Amino acid sequence: MSSPDPDLLPPGIDPERPALGIRRVAARNDAATRTVMMVRDHVLVTDEKGTNTGPTPLEMCLSSLLGCEGVIINRCAEAMRFAYTAVDMEADGEVDQRGSRGVQGVRPYFNWVRLRIRIHTDEPQERLDRLARNVEYRCPVMNLFRSADVGLEVTWERVAP
């Protein structure tokens, strides 16, 4: 059995007790590229670029990655008492559109994603490195990308507040 990683923060929840949750989304698609979804009281729309009434589903995946990173950065920063004033994030991903058009052997999702995180803080680099390690370990969406074998290039930068 390997020893625990001392760089990782202790869990913020009882590790022995399941804390399961269900996430539910409903959607309607009227035989077009546009889909309207309900998430609790929120309406989300995805669409392809032809009609452009919303982001594409893959753009929503990148948006989910950025949103999830923001939540997990906040949670880890609170646990570490890491002071920051804002985070700016950008994500780019490469997709070979042949995959979603049915070409065998071409994956229909991202080949790679580049994520740039610019955190506004005066914290020292060692603390930023620890924050980054914990965020990347805990972020559910980032780990979905990793499990799908999407190449991830993540750059963290410190910006003076």
C-alpha atoms as a PDB file:
ATOM      1  CA  MET A   1       0.000   0.000   0.000  1.00  0.00           C
ATOM      2  CA  SER A   2       1.436   3.384  -0.985  1.00  0.00           C
ATOM      3  CA  SER A   3       1.705   6.166   1.529  1.00  0.00           C
ATOM      4  CA  PRO A   4      -0.646   9.139   1.186  1.00  0.00           C
ATOM      5  CA  ASP A   5       0.560  12.096  -0.838  1.00  0.00           C
ATOM      6  CA  PRO A   6       1.495  14.795   1.725  1.00  0.00           C
ATOM      7  CA  ASP A   7       0.825  17.500  -0.859  1.00  0.00           C
ATOM      8  CA  LEU A   8      -2.874  16.595  -1.053  1.00  0.00           C
ATOM      9  CA  LEU A   9      -5.301  18.275   1.308  1.00  0.00           C
ATOM     10  CA  PRO A  10      -7.327  16.059   3.637  1.00  0.00           C
ATOM     11  CA  PRO A  11     -10.856  15.345   2.417  1.00  0.00           C
ATOM     12  CA  GLY A  12     -13.427  17.999   3.269  1.00  0.00           C
ATOM     13  CA  ILE A  13     -15.967  15.261   3.974  1.00  0.00           C
ATOM     14  CA  ASP A  14     -16.131  11.995   5.946  1.00  0.00           C
ATOM     15  CA  PRO A  15     -14.322   9.541   3.627  1.00  0.00           C
ATOM     16  CA  GLU A  16     -16.083   6.548   5.214  1.00  0.00           C
ATOM     17  CA  ARG A  17     -19.631   7.742   4.571  1.00  0.00           C
ATOM     18  CA  PRO A  18     -21.087   7.798   1.052  1.00  0.00           C
ATOM     19  CA  ALA A  19     -22.326  11.230  -0.047  1.00  0.00           C
ATOM     20  CA  LEU A  20     -24.121  10.329  -3.265  1.00  0.00           C
ATOM     21  CA  GLY A  21     -26.068  12.840  -5.313  1.00  0.00           C
ATOM     22  CA  ILE A  22     -28.093  12.743  -8.497  1.00  0.00           C
ATOM     23  CA  ARG A  23     -27.785  15.461 -11.128  1.00  0.00           C
ATOM     24  CA  ARG A  24     -30.729  15.804 -13.496  1.00  0.00           C
ATOM     25  CA  VAL A  25     -31.049  17.654 -16.779  1.00  0.00           C
ATOM     26  CA  ALA A  26     -34.016  17.538 -19.164  1.00  0.00           C
ATOM     27  CA  ALA A  27     -33.854  18.480 -22.859  1.00  0.00           C
ATOM     28  CA  ARG A  28     -35.887  18.906 -26.010  1.00  0.00           C
ATOM     29  CA  ASN A  29     -34.613  18.811 -29.565  1.00  0.00           C
ATOM     30  CA  ASP A  30     -37.058  19.620 -32.385  1.00  0.00           C
ATOM     31  CA  ALA A  31     -35.325  17.618 -35.122  1.00  0.00           C
ATOM     32  CA  ALA A  32     -32.580  20.249 -35.608  1.00  0.00           C
ATOM     33  CA  THR A  33     -29.068  21.026 -34.322  1.00  0.00           C
ATOM     34  CA  ARG A  34     -30.550  23.141 -31.491  1.00  0.00           C
ATOM     35  CA  THR A  35     -31.298  21.561 -28.103  1.00  0.00           C
ATOM     36  CA  VAL A  36     -32.916  23.373 -25.171  1.00  0.00           C
ATOM     37  CA  MET A  37     -32.118  22.029 -21.711  1.00  0.00           C
ATOM     38  CA  MET A  38     -33.545  22.679 -18.274  1.00  0.00           C
ATOM     39  CA  VAL A  39     -31.184  22.462 -15.324  1.00  0.00           C
ATOM     40  CA  ARG A  40     -33.171  23.179 -12.176  1.00  0.00           C
ATOM     41  CA  ASP A  41     -34.560  26.687 -12.977  1.00  0.00           C
ATOM     42  CA  HIS A  42     -31.986  27.423 -15.692  1.00  0.00           C
ATOM     43  CA  VAL A  43     -32.466  27.216 -19.442  1.00  0.00           C
ATOM     44  CA  LEU A  44     -29.418  26.247 -21.503  1.00  0.00           C
ATOM     45  CA  VAL A  45     -29.234  26.086 -25.277  1.00  0.00           C
ATOM     46  CA  THR A  46     -26.727  24.291 -27.453  1.00  0.00           C
ATOM     47  CA  ASP A  47     -26.551  24.614 -31.197  1.00  0.00           C
ATOM     48  CA  GLU A  48     -24.121  24.152 -34.013  1.00  0.00           C
ATOM     49  CA  LYS A  49     -22.526  27.089 -35.761  1.00  0.00           C
ATOM     50  CA  GLY A  50     -24.917  27.015 -38.737  1.00  0.00           C
ATOM     51  CA  THR A  51     -27.807  28.554 -36.807  1.00  0.00           C
ATOM     52  CA  ASN A  52     -25.693  29.825 -33.902  1.00  0.00           C
ATOM     53  CA  THR A  53     -28.361  30.217 -31.215  1.00  0.00           C
ATOM     54  CA  GLY A  54     -26.031  28.852 -28.528  1.00  0.00           C
ATOM     55  CA  PRO A  55     -22.659  27.265 -27.929  1.00  0.00           C
ATOM     56  CA  THR A  56     -21.955  23.860 -29.444  1.00  0.00           C
ATOM     57  CA  PRO A  57     -22.131  20.884 -27.098  1.00  0.00           C
ATOM     58  CA  LEU A  58     -18.316  20.587 -27.150  1.00  0.00           C
ATOM     59  CA  GLU A  59     -18.007  24.288 -26.288  1.00  0.00           C
ATOM     60  CA  MET A  60     -20.321  23.534 -23.364  1.00  0.00           C
ATOM     61  CA  CYS A  61     -17.886  20.771 -22.319  1.00  0.00           C
ATOM     62  CA  LEU A  62     -15.074  23.321 -22.226  1.00  0.00           C
ATOM     63  CA  SER A  63     -17.366  25.714 -20.335  1.00  0.00           C
ATOM     64  CA  SER A  64     -18.098  22.956 -17.820  1.00  0.00           C
ATOM     65  CA  LEU A  65     -14.374  22.420 -17.361  1.00  0.00           C
ATOM     66  CA  LEU A  66     -13.831  26.130 -16.606  1.00  0.00           C
ATOM     67  CA  GLY A  67     -16.824  26.293 -14.289  1.00  0.00           C
ATOM     68  CA  CYS A  68     -15.736  23.192 -12.407  1.00  0.00           C
ATOM     69  CA  GLU A  69     -12.178  24.479 -12.080  1.00  0.00           C
ATOM     70  CA  GLY A  70     -13.574  27.709 -10.598  1.00  0.00           C
ATOM     71  CA  VAL A  71     -15.546  25.797  -7.950  1.00  0.00           C
ATOM     72  CA  ILE A  72     -12.689  23.489  -7.025  1.00  0.00           C
ATOM     73  CA  ILE A  73     -10.154  26.358  -6.926  1.00  0.00           C
ATOM     74  CA  ASN A  74     -12.454  28.119  -4.470  1.00  0.00           C
ATOM     75  CA  ARG A  75     -12.920  25.038  -2.277  1.00  0.00           C
ATOM     76  CA  CYS A  76      -9.207  24.197  -2.185  1.00  0.00           C
ATOM     77  CA  ALA A  77      -8.235  27.830  -1.593  1.00  0.00           C
ATOM     78  CA  GLU A  78     -10.611  28.002   1.374  1.00  0.00           C
ATOM     79  CA  ALA A  79      -9.183  24.784   2.834  1.00  0.00           C
ATOM     80  CA  MET A  80      -5.616  26.103   2.407  1.00  0.00           C
ATOM     81  CA  ARG A  81      -6.468  29.665   3.460  1.00  0.00           C
ATOM     82  CA  PHE A  82      -5.001  30.644   0.093  1.00  0.00           C
ATOM     83  CA  ALA A  83      -5.723  34.325  -0.621  1.00  0.00           C
ATOM     84  CA  TYR A  84      -6.749  35.290  -4.151  1.00  0.00           C
ATOM     85  CA  THR A  85      -9.013  37.922  -5.662  1.00  0.00           C
ATOM     86  CA  ALA A  86      -9.959  36.414  -9.037  1.00  0.00           C
ATOM     87  CA  VAL A  87      -9.193  33.693 -11.563  1.00  0.00           C
ATOM     88  CA  ASP A  88      -9.186  34.144 -15.347  1.00  0.00           C
ATOM     89  CA  MET A  89      -9.410  30.941 -17.361  1.00  0.00           C
ATOM     90  CA  GLU A  90      -9.349  29.993 -21.035  1.00  0.00           C
ATOM     91  CA  ALA A  91      -9.713  26.598 -22.678  1.00  0.00           C
ATOM     92  CA  ASP A  92      -9.040  25.511 -26.240  1.00  0.00           C
ATOM     93  CA  GLY A  93      -9.670  22.038 -27.568  1.00  0.00           C
ATOM     94  CA  GLU A  94      -8.902  20.316 -30.855  1.00  0.00           C
ATOM     95  CA  VAL A  95     -11.606  18.204 -32.469  1.00  0.00           C
ATOM     96  CA  ASP A  96     -11.423  16.329 -35.758  1.00  0.00           C
ATOM     97  CA  GLN A  97     -14.965  16.775 -37.064  1.00  0.00           C
ATOM     98  CA  ARG A  98     -14.687  13.607 -39.091  1.00  0.00           C
ATOM     99  CA  GLY A  99     -15.254  11.651 -35.857  1.00  0.00           C
ATOM    100  CA  SER A 100     -18.742  13.028 -35.206  1.00  0.00           C
ATOM    101  CA  ARG A 101     -19.547  12.571 -38.901  1.00  0.00           C
ATOM    102  CA  GLY A 102     -18.942   8.820 -38.647  1.00  0.00           C
ATOM    103  CA  VAL A 103     -15.416   8.279 -39.936  1.00  0.00           C
ATOM    104  CA  GLN A 104     -14.204   5.079 -38.293  1.00  0.00           C
ATOM    105  CA  GLY A 105     -11.029   5.336 -36.261  1.00  0.00           C
ATOM    106  CA  VAL A 106     -11.427   9.090 -35.645  1.00  0.00           C
ATOM    107  CA  ARG A 107     -12.490   9.987 -32.122  1.00  0.00           C
ATOM    108  CA  PRO A 108     -15.651  12.137 -31.997  1.00  0.00           C
ATOM    109  CA  TYR A 109     -14.419  14.224 -29.069  1.00  0.00           C
ATOM    110  CA  PHE A 110     -11.360  16.256 -28.112  1.00  0.00           C
ATOM    111  CA  ASN A 111      -7.878  15.115 -29.077  1.00  0.00           C
ATOM    112  CA  TRP A 112      -6.391  17.638 -26.659  1.00  0.00           C
ATOM    113  CA  VAL A 113      -7.403  20.522 -24.422  1.00  0.00           C
ATOM    114  CA  ARG A 114      -5.194  23.423 -23.358  1.00  0.00           C
ATOM    115  CA  LEU A 115      -6.264  25.130 -20.175  1.00  0.00           C
ATOM    116  CA  ARG A 116      -4.764  28.412 -18.996  1.00  0.00           C
ATOM    117  CA  ILE A 117      -5.468  29.499 -15.425  1.00  0.00           C
ATOM    118  CA  ARG A 118      -4.381  32.962 -14.307  1.00  0.00           C
ATOM    119  CA  ILE A 119      -4.899  33.419 -10.579  1.00  0.00           C
ATOM    120  CA  HIS A 120      -4.701  36.875  -9.013  1.00  0.00           C
ATOM    121  CA  THR A 121      -2.718  36.377  -5.817  1.00  0.00           C
ATOM    122  CA  ASP A 122       0.319  37.428  -3.817  1.00  0.00           C
ATOM    123  CA  GLU A 123       0.786  33.871  -2.490  1.00  0.00           C
ATOM    124  CA  PRO A 124       4.247  32.310  -3.022  1.00  0.00           C
ATOM    125  CA  GLN A 125       4.846  29.893  -5.919  1.00  0.00           C
ATOM    126  CA  GLU A 126       5.073  26.864  -3.602  1.00  0.00           C
ATOM    127  CA  ARG A 127       1.547  27.504  -2.325  1.00  0.00           C
ATOM    128  CA  LEU A 128       0.254  28.056  -5.844  1.00  0.00           C
ATOM    129  CA  ASP A 129       1.829  24.748  -6.890  1.00  0.00           C
ATOM    130  CA  ARG A 130       0.089  22.978  -3.996  1.00  0.00           C
ATOM    131  CA  LEU A 131      -3.235  24.606  -4.872  1.00  0.00           C
ATOM    132  CA  ALA A 132      -2.856  23.529  -8.517  1.00  0.00           C
ATOM    133  CA  ARG A 133      -1.998  19.950  -7.519  1.00  0.00           C
ATOM    134  CA  ASN A 134      -5.094  19.692  -5.340  1.00  0.00           C
ATOM    135  CA  VAL A 135      -7.416  21.308  -7.868  1.00  0.00           C
ATOM    136  CA  GLU A 136      -6.257  19.003 -10.654  1.00  0.00           C
ATOM    137  CA  TYR A 137      -6.636  15.984  -8.362  1.00  0.00           C
ATOM    138  CA  ARG A 138     -10.194  16.933  -7.298  1.00  0.00           C
ATOM    139  CA  CYS A 139     -11.813  18.514 -10.371  1.00  0.00           C
ATOM    140  CA  PRO A 140     -14.521  16.107 -11.635  1.00  0.00           C
ATOM    141  CA  VAL A 141     -14.692  17.497 -15.165  1.00  0.00           C
ATOM    142  CA  MET A 142     -10.917  17.558 -15.603  1.00  0.00           C
ATOM    143  CA  ASN A 143     -10.798  13.950 -14.479  1.00  0.00           C
ATOM    144  CA  LEU A 144     -13.528  13.013 -16.978  1.00  0.00           C
ATOM    145  CA  PHE A 145     -11.325  14.457 -19.725  1.00  0.00           C
ATOM    146  CA  ARG A 146      -8.324  12.521 -18.385  1.00  0.00           C
ATOM    147  CA  SER A 147     -10.307   9.286 -18.214  1.00  0.00           C
ATOM    148  CA  ALA A 148     -11.310   9.797 -21.853  1.00  0.00           C
ATOM    149  CA  ASP A 149      -7.608  10.023 -22.717  1.00  0.00           C
ATOM    150  CA  VAL A 150      -7.867  13.648 -23.814  1.00  0.00           C
ATOM    151  CA  GLY A 151      -4.413  15.224 -23.795  1.00  0.00           C
ATOM    152  CA  LEU A 152      -4.478  17.955 -21.157  1.00  0.00           C
ATOM    153  CA  GLU A 153      -2.000  20.810 -21.054  1.00  0.00           C
ATOM    154  CA  VAL A 154      -2.645  22.972 -18.004  1.00  0.00           C
ATOM    155  CA  THR A 155      -0.769  26.205 -17.361  1.00  0.00           C
ATOM    156  CA  TRP A 156      -1.087  28.047 -14.070  1.00  0.00           C
ATOM    157  CA  GLU A 157       0.099  31.659 -13.846  1.00  0.00           C
ATOM    158  CA  ARG A 158       0.237  34.019 -10.938  1.00  0.00           C
ATOM    159  CA  VAL A 159      -0.933  37.585 -11.549  1.00  0.00           C
ATOM    160  CA  ALA A 160      -0.448  40.384  -9.045  1.00  0.00           C
ATOM    161  CA  PRO A 161      -3.868  41.465  -7.734  1.00  0.00           C
END
